[in-house]
């Protein structure tokens, strides 16, 4: 589809009319970055705030790494792994099952970041399956790790706020 207007004020994003999953990926990662920004306005301990402040710009670097120059490398991946492992250590390995999203307000927002990170991964998969582009493998690794970090941050925040997480036991599996 072609833009219905050429007026700069009536086009929210230069690629919005593009028939490509790349645009969907960019919008999904933009939403993740915005959700992280929202979480940064909430009550956070210093550890969580530091992790989120450092990873937020990398979400935008991830965003541009399919259409433009690859801006996520092993350095950013390893830094995120260090954060993930530090959180898991603080959580004594973490919850062994699955929990119902929620608890403290900040944890609930972090769970929304987790699900949005999964949408980013799925958008990368859609790009790969389209055959139009082949995203670098590190982007899949980084986006998957982002989802896991958000889960760990949500659990860690509930622990810091002394909110008991509610285990979910599936009747389906």
N, C-alpha and C. Protein backbone atom coordinates (compact mmCIF):
# COMPACT_ATOMS: atom_id res chain seq x y z
N UNK A 1 0.85 -1.18 0.00
CA UNK A 1 0.00 0.00 0.00
C UNK A 1 0.89 1.24 0.00
N UNK A 2 0.48 2.21 -0.75
CA UNK A 2 1.20 3.48 -0.78
C UNK A 2 0.61 4.42 0.27
N UNK A 3 1.43 5.32 0.79
CA UNK A 3 0.90 6.29 1.75
C UNK A 3 -0.28 7.06 1.16
N UNK A 4 -1.29 7.31 1.98
CA UNK A 4 -2.46 8.05 1.53
C UNK A 4 -2.23 9.55 1.58
N UNK A 5 -1.10 9.95 2.16
CA UNK A 5 -0.77 11.37 2.25
C UNK A 5 0.74 11.52 2.20
N UNK A 6 1.19 12.65 1.69
CA UNK A 6 2.62 12.95 1.70
C UNK A 6 2.93 14.00 2.76
N UNK A 7 1.92 14.43 3.47
CA UNK A 7 2.09 15.41 4.53
C UNK A 7 2.89 14.77 5.67
N UNK A 8 4.01 15.38 6.01
CA UNK A 8 4.90 14.84 7.04
C UNK A 8 4.16 14.56 8.35
N UNK A 9 3.22 15.40 8.71
CA UNK A 9 2.47 15.22 9.95
C UNK A 9 1.50 14.05 9.91
N UNK A 10 1.23 13.53 8.73
CA UNK A 10 0.27 12.43 8.59
C UNK A 10 0.94 11.08 8.34
N UNK A 11 2.24 11.03 8.53
CA UNK A 11 2.96 9.76 8.41
C UNK A 11 3.73 9.55 9.71
N UNK A 12 3.29 8.54 10.47
CA UNK A 12 3.87 8.32 11.80
C UNK A 12 5.22 7.62 11.76
N UNK A 13 5.51 6.94 10.66
CA UNK A 13 6.74 6.16 10.55
C UNK A 13 7.01 5.95 9.06
N UNK A 14 8.20 6.21 8.59
CA UNK A 14 8.46 6.15 7.14
C UNK A 14 8.12 4.81 6.48
N UNK A 15 8.19 3.73 7.23
CA UNK A 15 7.98 2.40 6.64
C UNK A 15 6.62 1.80 7.00
N UNK A 16 5.71 2.61 7.53
CA UNK A 16 4.44 2.11 8.07
C UNK A 16 3.58 1.39 7.03
N UNK A 17 3.69 1.78 5.77
CA UNK A 17 2.87 1.16 4.72
C UNK A 17 3.59 0.01 4.02
N UNK A 18 4.76 -0.31 4.48
CA UNK A 18 5.56 -1.36 3.86
C UNK A 18 4.92 -2.74 4.06
N UNK A 19 4.96 -3.55 3.04
CA UNK A 19 4.47 -4.92 3.12
C UNK A 19 5.64 -5.83 3.48
N UNK A 20 6.06 -5.76 4.73
CA UNK A 20 7.21 -6.52 5.17
C UNK A 20 7.11 -6.76 6.67
N UNK A 21 7.49 -7.95 7.13
CA UNK A 21 7.50 -8.20 8.57
C UNK A 21 8.57 -7.40 9.30
N UNK A 22 9.49 -6.78 8.57
CA UNK A 22 10.51 -5.95 9.22
C UNK A 22 9.84 -4.79 9.95
N UNK A 23 8.86 -4.17 9.32
CA UNK A 23 8.14 -3.06 9.96
C UNK A 23 7.45 -3.54 11.24
N UNK A 24 6.84 -4.73 11.19
CA UNK A 24 6.18 -5.28 12.38
C UNK A 24 7.18 -5.52 13.50
N UNK A 25 8.36 -6.02 13.16
CA UNK A 25 9.43 -6.21 14.14
C UNK A 25 9.83 -4.88 14.76
N UNK A 26 9.99 -3.86 13.93
CA UNK A 26 10.41 -2.56 14.44
C UNK A 26 9.36 -1.96 15.37
N UNK A 27 8.10 -2.15 15.04
CA UNK A 27 7.02 -1.65 15.91
C UNK A 27 6.98 -2.44 17.22
N UNK A 28 7.16 -3.76 17.14
CA UNK A 28 7.16 -4.59 18.35
C UNK A 28 8.32 -4.23 19.27
N UNK A 29 9.50 -4.01 18.70
CA UNK A 29 10.64 -3.65 19.54
C UNK A 29 10.52 -2.22 20.06
N UNK A 30 9.89 -1.33 19.30
CA UNK A 30 9.60 0.02 19.78
C UNK A 30 8.67 -0.04 20.99
N UNK A 31 7.66 -0.91 20.90
CA UNK A 31 6.75 -1.06 22.05
C UNK A 31 7.49 -1.59 23.27
N UNK A 32 8.38 -2.56 23.07
CA UNK A 32 9.15 -3.08 24.20
C UNK A 32 9.98 -1.97 24.83
N UNK A 33 10.65 -1.17 24.02
CA UNK A 33 11.46 -0.07 24.54
C UNK A 33 10.59 0.92 25.32
N UNK A 34 9.39 1.19 24.80
CA UNK A 34 8.46 2.10 25.48
C UNK A 34 7.98 1.51 26.80
N UNK A 35 7.71 0.22 26.83
CA UNK A 35 7.29 -0.45 28.07
C UNK A 35 8.41 -0.41 29.12
N UNK A 36 9.64 -0.61 28.67
CA UNK A 36 10.77 -0.50 29.60
C UNK A 36 10.83 0.93 30.15
N UNK A 37 10.61 1.91 29.29
CA UNK A 37 10.57 3.30 29.75
C UNK A 37 9.49 3.53 30.79
N UNK A 38 8.34 2.91 30.61
CA UNK A 38 7.27 3.01 31.61
C UNK A 38 7.72 2.41 32.93
N UNK A 39 8.32 1.23 32.89
CA UNK A 39 8.79 0.58 34.12
C UNK A 39 9.80 1.47 34.84
N UNK A 40 10.63 2.17 34.08
CA UNK A 40 11.62 3.05 34.71
C UNK A 40 11.00 4.22 35.45
N UNK A 41 9.71 4.49 35.23
CA UNK A 41 9.03 5.55 35.99
C UNK A 41 8.44 5.02 37.29
N UNK A 42 8.48 3.71 37.49
CA UNK A 42 7.86 3.09 38.66
C UNK A 42 8.88 2.87 39.77
N UNK A 43 8.38 2.38 40.88
CA UNK A 43 9.23 2.07 42.03
C UNK A 43 10.15 0.90 41.69
N UNK A 44 11.46 1.15 41.77
CA UNK A 44 12.46 0.12 41.47
C UNK A 44 13.60 0.21 42.47
N UNK A 45 14.20 -0.92 42.75
CA UNK A 45 15.43 -0.91 43.53
C UNK A 45 16.58 -0.54 42.60
N UNK A 46 17.75 -0.28 43.17
CA UNK A 46 18.89 0.18 42.37
C UNK A 46 19.37 -0.86 41.36
N UNK A 47 19.33 -2.13 41.73
CA UNK A 47 19.79 -3.19 40.82
C UNK A 47 18.92 -3.23 39.57
N UNK A 48 17.62 -3.26 39.76
CA UNK A 48 16.69 -3.32 38.62
C UNK A 48 16.78 -2.08 37.76
N UNK A 49 16.84 -0.92 38.40
CA UNK A 49 16.93 0.34 37.65
C UNK A 49 18.20 0.36 36.79
N UNK A 50 19.30 -0.09 37.34
CA UNK A 50 20.57 -0.11 36.59
C UNK A 50 20.47 -1.04 35.38
N UNK A 51 19.93 -2.23 35.58
CA UNK A 51 19.79 -3.18 34.47
C UNK A 51 18.91 -2.60 33.37
N UNK A 52 17.76 -2.06 33.76
CA UNK A 52 16.81 -1.53 32.77
C UNK A 52 17.37 -0.31 32.04
N UNK A 53 18.08 0.55 32.75
CA UNK A 53 18.68 1.72 32.09
C UNK A 53 19.73 1.31 31.06
N UNK A 54 20.46 0.25 31.37
CA UNK A 54 21.48 -0.20 30.42
C UNK A 54 20.89 -0.96 29.25
N UNK A 55 19.83 -1.73 29.48
CA UNK A 55 19.29 -2.53 28.37
C UNK A 55 18.34 -1.75 27.47
N UNK A 56 17.71 -0.68 27.99
CA UNK A 56 16.75 0.05 27.17
C UNK A 56 17.34 0.56 25.85
N UNK A 57 18.50 1.22 25.84
CA UNK A 57 19.05 1.66 24.55
C UNK A 57 19.35 0.48 23.62
N UNK A 58 19.71 -0.66 24.20
CA UNK A 58 20.00 -1.83 23.37
C UNK A 58 18.76 -2.37 22.69
N UNK A 59 17.59 -2.14 23.28
CA UNK A 59 16.35 -2.55 22.61
C UNK A 59 16.20 -1.76 21.31
N UNK A 60 16.52 -0.47 21.35
CA UNK A 60 16.48 0.32 20.11
C UNK A 60 17.61 -0.08 19.14
N UNK A 61 18.76 -0.48 19.68
CA UNK A 61 19.81 -0.99 18.80
C UNK A 61 19.36 -2.29 18.13
N UNK A 62 18.67 -3.12 18.88
CA UNK A 62 18.08 -4.34 18.32
C UNK A 62 17.10 -3.97 17.21
N UNK A 63 16.28 -2.95 17.48
CA UNK A 63 15.26 -2.47 16.54
C UNK A 63 15.85 -2.16 15.16
N UNK A 64 16.96 -1.47 15.14
CA UNK A 64 17.54 -1.04 13.86
C UNK A 64 18.47 -2.06 13.21
N UNK A 65 18.69 -3.17 13.89
CA UNK A 65 19.70 -4.13 13.43
C UNK A 65 19.25 -5.05 12.31
N UNK A 66 17.99 -4.99 11.91
CA UNK A 66 17.54 -5.80 10.77
C UNK A 66 17.58 -4.95 9.51
N UNK A 67 16.99 -3.77 9.56
CA UNK A 67 16.95 -2.89 8.39
C UNK A 67 18.30 -2.21 8.16
N UNK A 68 18.96 -1.88 9.25
CA UNK A 68 20.22 -1.14 9.16
C UNK A 68 21.42 -1.99 9.55
N UNK A 69 22.42 -1.32 10.07
CA UNK A 69 23.67 -1.97 10.48
C UNK A 69 23.45 -2.77 11.76
N UNK A 70 24.03 -3.95 11.84
CA UNK A 70 23.94 -4.78 13.04
C UNK A 70 24.58 -4.04 14.22
N UNK A 71 23.78 -3.77 15.25
CA UNK A 71 24.25 -2.96 16.37
C UNK A 71 24.22 -3.73 17.70
N UNK A 72 23.94 -5.01 17.64
CA UNK A 72 24.02 -5.88 18.82
C UNK A 72 25.13 -6.88 18.54
N UNK A 73 26.06 -6.96 19.48
CA UNK A 73 27.14 -7.92 19.29
C UNK A 73 27.35 -8.73 20.57
N UNK A 74 28.38 -9.51 20.58
CA UNK A 74 28.65 -10.41 21.71
C UNK A 74 28.83 -9.63 23.01
N UNK A 75 29.32 -8.40 22.94
CA UNK A 75 29.51 -7.58 24.15
C UNK A 75 28.17 -7.31 24.83
N UNK A 76 27.17 -6.86 24.08
CA UNK A 76 25.86 -6.60 24.66
C UNK A 76 25.20 -7.89 25.15
N UNK A 77 25.37 -8.96 24.39
CA UNK A 77 24.80 -10.24 24.79
C UNK A 77 25.40 -10.71 26.11
N UNK A 78 26.71 -10.63 26.24
CA UNK A 78 27.37 -11.09 27.47
C UNK A 78 27.01 -10.21 28.66
N UNK A 79 26.87 -8.90 28.43
CA UNK A 79 26.46 -8.00 29.51
C UNK A 79 25.07 -8.39 30.01
N UNK A 80 24.16 -8.69 29.09
CA UNK A 80 22.81 -9.09 29.47
C UNK A 80 22.83 -10.44 30.19
N UNK A 81 23.68 -11.35 29.74
CA UNK A 81 23.84 -12.64 30.42
C UNK A 81 24.34 -12.43 31.85
N UNK A 82 25.28 -11.52 32.05
CA UNK A 82 25.77 -11.24 33.40
C UNK A 82 24.65 -10.75 34.29
N UNK A 83 23.80 -9.87 33.76
CA UNK A 83 22.66 -9.38 34.53
C UNK A 83 21.70 -10.52 34.85
N UNK A 84 21.43 -11.36 33.86
CA UNK A 84 20.53 -12.50 34.05
C UNK A 84 21.06 -13.45 35.12
N UNK A 85 22.34 -13.78 35.03
CA UNK A 85 22.93 -14.68 36.02
C UNK A 85 22.96 -14.07 37.41
N UNK A 86 23.21 -12.77 37.50
CA UNK A 86 23.20 -12.09 38.80
C UNK A 86 21.80 -12.13 39.41
N UNK A 87 20.78 -11.91 38.59
CA UNK A 87 19.40 -11.98 39.09
C UNK A 87 19.06 -13.39 39.55
N UNK A 88 19.44 -14.37 38.77
CA UNK A 88 19.16 -15.77 39.14
C UNK A 88 19.86 -16.13 40.45
N UNK A 89 21.06 -15.59 40.63
CA UNK A 89 21.77 -15.84 41.88
C UNK A 89 21.03 -15.21 43.06
N UNK A 90 20.53 -13.99 42.88
CA UNK A 90 19.76 -13.33 43.93
C UNK A 90 18.46 -14.08 44.23
N UNK A 91 17.97 -14.80 43.22
CA UNK A 91 16.72 -15.56 43.37
C UNK A 91 16.99 -17.02 43.73
N UNK A 92 18.23 -17.34 44.06
CA UNK A 92 18.62 -18.74 44.36
C UNK A 92 18.22 -19.66 43.22
N UNK A 93 18.45 -19.23 41.99
CA UNK A 93 18.11 -20.03 40.82
C UNK A 93 16.76 -19.69 40.24
N UNK A 94 15.93 -19.03 41.00
CA UNK A 94 14.61 -18.64 40.49
C UNK A 94 13.53 -19.63 40.81
N UNK A 95 12.31 -19.25 40.51
CA UNK A 95 11.14 -20.10 40.72
C UNK A 95 11.26 -21.31 39.80
N UNK A 96 11.00 -22.47 40.31
CA UNK A 96 11.22 -23.70 39.54
C UNK A 96 10.09 -24.01 38.56
N UNK A 97 8.92 -23.44 38.74
CA UNK A 97 7.81 -23.68 37.83
C UNK A 97 7.47 -22.43 37.07
N UNK A 98 6.18 -22.21 36.87
CA UNK A 98 5.71 -21.00 36.22
C UNK A 98 4.80 -20.28 37.20
N UNK A 99 4.81 -18.97 37.17
CA UNK A 99 3.99 -18.18 38.09
C UNK A 99 2.94 -17.41 37.31
N UNK A 100 1.86 -17.09 37.99
CA UNK A 100 0.87 -16.20 37.39
C UNK A 100 1.47 -14.80 37.35
N UNK A 101 1.43 -14.13 36.20
CA UNK A 101 1.97 -12.78 36.13
C UNK A 101 1.23 -11.86 37.11
N UNK A 102 1.96 -11.01 37.76
CA UNK A 102 1.33 -10.08 38.68
C UNK A 102 2.20 -9.85 39.89
N UNK A 103 1.53 -9.76 41.03
CA UNK A 103 2.24 -9.43 42.26
C UNK A 103 2.28 -7.92 42.41
N UNK A 104 3.47 -7.41 42.65
CA UNK A 104 3.66 -5.97 42.76
C UNK A 104 3.40 -5.32 41.40
N UNK A 105 2.93 -4.09 41.40
CA UNK A 105 2.62 -3.37 40.16
C UNK A 105 3.81 -3.37 39.19
N UNK A 106 4.99 -3.12 39.71
CA UNK A 106 6.18 -3.09 38.86
C UNK A 106 6.44 -4.47 38.25
N UNK A 107 6.24 -5.52 39.02
CA UNK A 107 6.42 -6.88 38.50
C UNK A 107 5.42 -7.17 37.39
N UNK A 108 4.19 -6.72 37.56
CA UNK A 108 3.18 -6.93 36.52
C UNK A 108 3.60 -6.24 35.22
N UNK A 109 4.14 -5.04 35.32
CA UNK A 109 4.62 -4.33 34.12
C UNK A 109 5.82 -5.04 33.50
N UNK A 110 6.68 -5.60 34.34
CA UNK A 110 7.83 -6.35 33.82
C UNK A 110 7.37 -7.62 33.10
N UNK A 111 6.29 -8.23 33.58
CA UNK A 111 5.74 -9.38 32.86
C UNK A 111 5.21 -8.96 31.48
N UNK A 112 4.65 -7.76 31.38
CA UNK A 112 4.24 -7.26 30.06
C UNK A 112 5.46 -7.04 29.16
N UNK A 113 6.55 -6.58 29.74
CA UNK A 113 7.80 -6.46 28.97
C UNK A 113 8.26 -7.84 28.50
N UNK A 114 8.13 -8.84 29.36
CA UNK A 114 8.51 -10.21 29.00
C UNK A 114 7.71 -10.70 27.81
N UNK A 115 6.39 -10.50 27.86
CA UNK A 115 5.57 -10.99 26.74
C UNK A 115 5.85 -10.19 25.47
N UNK A 116 6.16 -8.91 25.61
CA UNK A 116 6.49 -8.11 24.43
C UNK A 116 7.83 -8.56 23.85
N UNK A 117 8.77 -8.93 24.70
CA UNK A 117 10.04 -9.45 24.19
C UNK A 117 9.82 -10.74 23.39
N UNK A 118 8.87 -11.56 23.84
CA UNK A 118 8.54 -12.77 23.07
C UNK A 118 7.96 -12.40 21.71
N UNK A 119 7.15 -11.34 21.66
CA UNK A 119 6.60 -10.88 20.37
C UNK A 119 7.72 -10.40 19.45
N UNK A 120 8.75 -9.81 20.03
CA UNK A 120 9.90 -9.39 19.24
C UNK A 120 10.59 -10.61 18.63
N UNK A 121 10.75 -11.66 19.43
CA UNK A 121 11.34 -12.90 18.90
C UNK A 121 10.48 -13.44 17.76
N UNK A 122 9.18 -13.49 17.97
CA UNK A 122 8.28 -14.00 16.92
C UNK A 122 8.34 -13.15 15.65
N UNK A 123 8.51 -11.85 15.83
CA UNK A 123 8.63 -10.97 14.66
C UNK A 123 9.93 -11.27 13.90
N UNK A 124 11.00 -11.57 14.63
CA UNK A 124 12.24 -11.99 13.97
C UNK A 124 12.03 -13.29 13.20
N UNK A 125 11.30 -14.22 13.81
CA UNK A 125 11.01 -15.49 13.14
C UNK A 125 10.22 -15.24 11.86
N UNK A 126 9.25 -14.32 11.92
CA UNK A 126 8.44 -14.00 10.73
C UNK A 126 9.32 -13.42 9.62
N UNK A 127 10.28 -12.59 9.99
CA UNK A 127 11.20 -12.04 8.99
C UNK A 127 11.98 -13.17 8.33
N UNK A 128 12.51 -14.06 9.14
CA UNK A 128 13.27 -15.20 8.62
C UNK A 128 12.42 -16.04 7.68
N UNK A 129 11.19 -16.33 8.09
CA UNK A 129 10.30 -17.17 7.27
C UNK A 129 9.83 -16.47 6.00
N UNK A 130 9.85 -15.15 5.99
CA UNK A 130 9.42 -14.42 4.80
C UNK A 130 10.38 -14.62 3.64
N UNK A 131 11.62 -14.94 3.97
CA UNK A 131 12.63 -15.11 2.93
C UNK A 131 13.18 -13.80 2.39
N UNK A 132 12.65 -12.67 2.88
CA UNK A 132 13.11 -11.36 2.38
C UNK A 132 14.43 -10.93 3.02
N UNK A 133 14.60 -11.32 4.27
CA UNK A 133 15.83 -11.01 5.00
C UNK A 133 16.12 -12.17 5.94
N UNK A 134 17.35 -12.22 6.39
CA UNK A 134 17.75 -13.24 7.35
C UNK A 134 18.44 -12.54 8.52
N UNK A 135 17.69 -12.26 9.60
CA UNK A 135 18.29 -11.56 10.73
C UNK A 135 19.49 -12.32 11.30
N UNK A 136 20.46 -11.59 11.77
CA UNK A 136 21.65 -12.21 12.37
C UNK A 136 21.24 -13.08 13.56
N UNK A 137 21.84 -14.25 13.72
CA UNK A 137 21.49 -15.14 14.83
C UNK A 137 21.58 -14.48 16.20
N UNK A 138 22.52 -13.56 16.37
CA UNK A 138 22.67 -12.91 17.67
C UNK A 138 21.42 -12.12 18.06
N UNK A 139 20.65 -11.66 17.08
CA UNK A 139 19.42 -10.91 17.39
C UNK A 139 18.39 -11.83 18.03
N UNK A 140 18.28 -13.05 17.55
CA UNK A 140 17.38 -14.03 18.16
C UNK A 140 17.83 -14.34 19.58
N UNK A 141 19.13 -14.53 19.74
CA UNK A 141 19.68 -14.85 21.06
C UNK A 141 19.42 -13.71 22.05
N UNK A 142 19.68 -12.49 21.61
CA UNK A 142 19.51 -11.33 22.48
C UNK A 142 18.04 -11.14 22.85
N UNK A 143 17.15 -11.25 21.88
CA UNK A 143 15.72 -11.04 22.15
C UNK A 143 15.16 -12.12 23.07
N UNK A 144 15.56 -13.37 22.88
CA UNK A 144 15.13 -14.43 23.79
C UNK A 144 15.64 -14.18 25.20
N UNK A 145 16.90 -13.78 25.31
CA UNK A 145 17.47 -13.48 26.62
C UNK A 145 16.76 -12.30 27.27
N UNK A 146 16.37 -11.31 26.49
CA UNK A 146 15.60 -10.18 27.03
C UNK A 146 14.33 -10.68 27.72
N UNK A 147 13.62 -11.60 27.09
CA UNK A 147 12.39 -12.14 27.70
C UNK A 147 12.71 -12.81 29.03
N UNK A 148 13.79 -13.57 29.07
CA UNK A 148 14.16 -14.25 30.32
C UNK A 148 14.61 -13.27 31.39
N UNK A 149 15.30 -12.22 31.00
CA UNK A 149 15.71 -11.19 31.96
C UNK A 149 14.48 -10.50 32.54
N UNK A 150 13.49 -10.22 31.71
CA UNK A 150 12.27 -9.57 32.20
C UNK A 150 11.54 -10.47 33.20
N UNK A 151 11.52 -11.77 32.93
CA UNK A 151 10.91 -12.72 33.87
C UNK A 151 11.67 -12.69 35.20
N UNK A 152 12.99 -12.74 35.12
CA UNK A 152 13.81 -12.71 36.33
C UNK A 152 13.63 -11.39 37.09
N UNK A 153 13.57 -10.28 36.36
CA UNK A 153 13.34 -8.98 37.02
C UNK A 153 11.99 -8.93 37.70
N UNK A 154 10.96 -9.50 37.08
CA UNK A 154 9.63 -9.52 37.69
C UNK A 154 9.66 -10.32 38.99
N UNK A 155 10.29 -11.49 38.97
CA UNK A 155 10.39 -12.31 40.18
C UNK A 155 11.23 -11.63 41.25
N UNK A 156 12.34 -11.05 40.82
CA UNK A 156 13.22 -10.35 41.75
C UNK A 156 12.49 -9.17 42.40
N UNK A 157 11.74 -8.42 41.61
CA UNK A 157 10.99 -7.28 42.16
C UNK A 157 9.96 -7.75 43.17
N UNK A 158 9.26 -8.83 42.87
CA UNK A 158 8.31 -9.37 43.85
C UNK A 158 9.03 -9.76 45.14
N UNK A 159 10.21 -10.33 45.02
CA UNK A 159 10.96 -10.71 46.22
C UNK A 159 11.37 -9.47 47.00
N UNK A 160 11.90 -8.47 46.31
CA UNK A 160 12.32 -7.23 46.98
C UNK A 160 11.13 -6.58 47.69
N UNK A 161 9.97 -6.61 47.04
CA UNK A 161 8.76 -5.99 47.60
C UNK A 161 8.02 -6.92 48.57
N UNK A 162 8.58 -8.09 48.81
CA UNK A 162 8.02 -9.09 49.72
C UNK A 162 6.60 -9.51 49.32
N UNK A 163 6.43 -9.71 48.02
CA UNK A 163 5.16 -10.17 47.47
C UNK A 163 5.33 -11.63 47.06
N UNK A 164 4.48 -12.49 47.58
CA UNK A 164 4.54 -13.91 47.26
C UNK A 164 4.02 -14.16 45.85
N UNK A 165 4.81 -14.87 45.04
CA UNK A 165 4.36 -15.22 43.70
C UNK A 165 3.43 -16.42 43.78
N UNK A 166 2.48 -16.47 42.86
CA UNK A 166 1.49 -17.55 42.83
C UNK A 166 1.87 -18.53 41.72
N UNK A 167 2.14 -19.76 42.12
CA UNK A 167 2.51 -20.78 41.14
C UNK A 167 1.33 -21.11 40.25
N UNK A 168 1.63 -21.31 38.97
CA UNK A 168 0.61 -21.78 38.03
C UNK A 168 0.95 -23.21 37.65
N UNK A 169 -0.02 -24.10 37.84
CA UNK A 169 0.15 -25.49 37.45
C UNK A 169 -0.85 -25.77 36.34
N UNK A 170 -0.34 -26.06 35.17
CA UNK A 170 -1.18 -26.28 34.00
C UNK A 170 -1.88 -27.63 34.06
N UNK A 171 -3.13 -27.64 33.66
CA UNK A 171 -3.86 -28.90 33.50
C UNK A 171 -3.69 -29.43 32.08
N UNK A 172 -3.00 -28.68 31.23
CA UNK A 172 -2.83 -29.06 29.82
C UNK A 172 -1.56 -29.87 29.57
N UNK A 173 -0.55 -29.70 30.39
CA UNK A 173 0.74 -30.35 30.12
C UNK A 173 1.11 -31.29 31.23
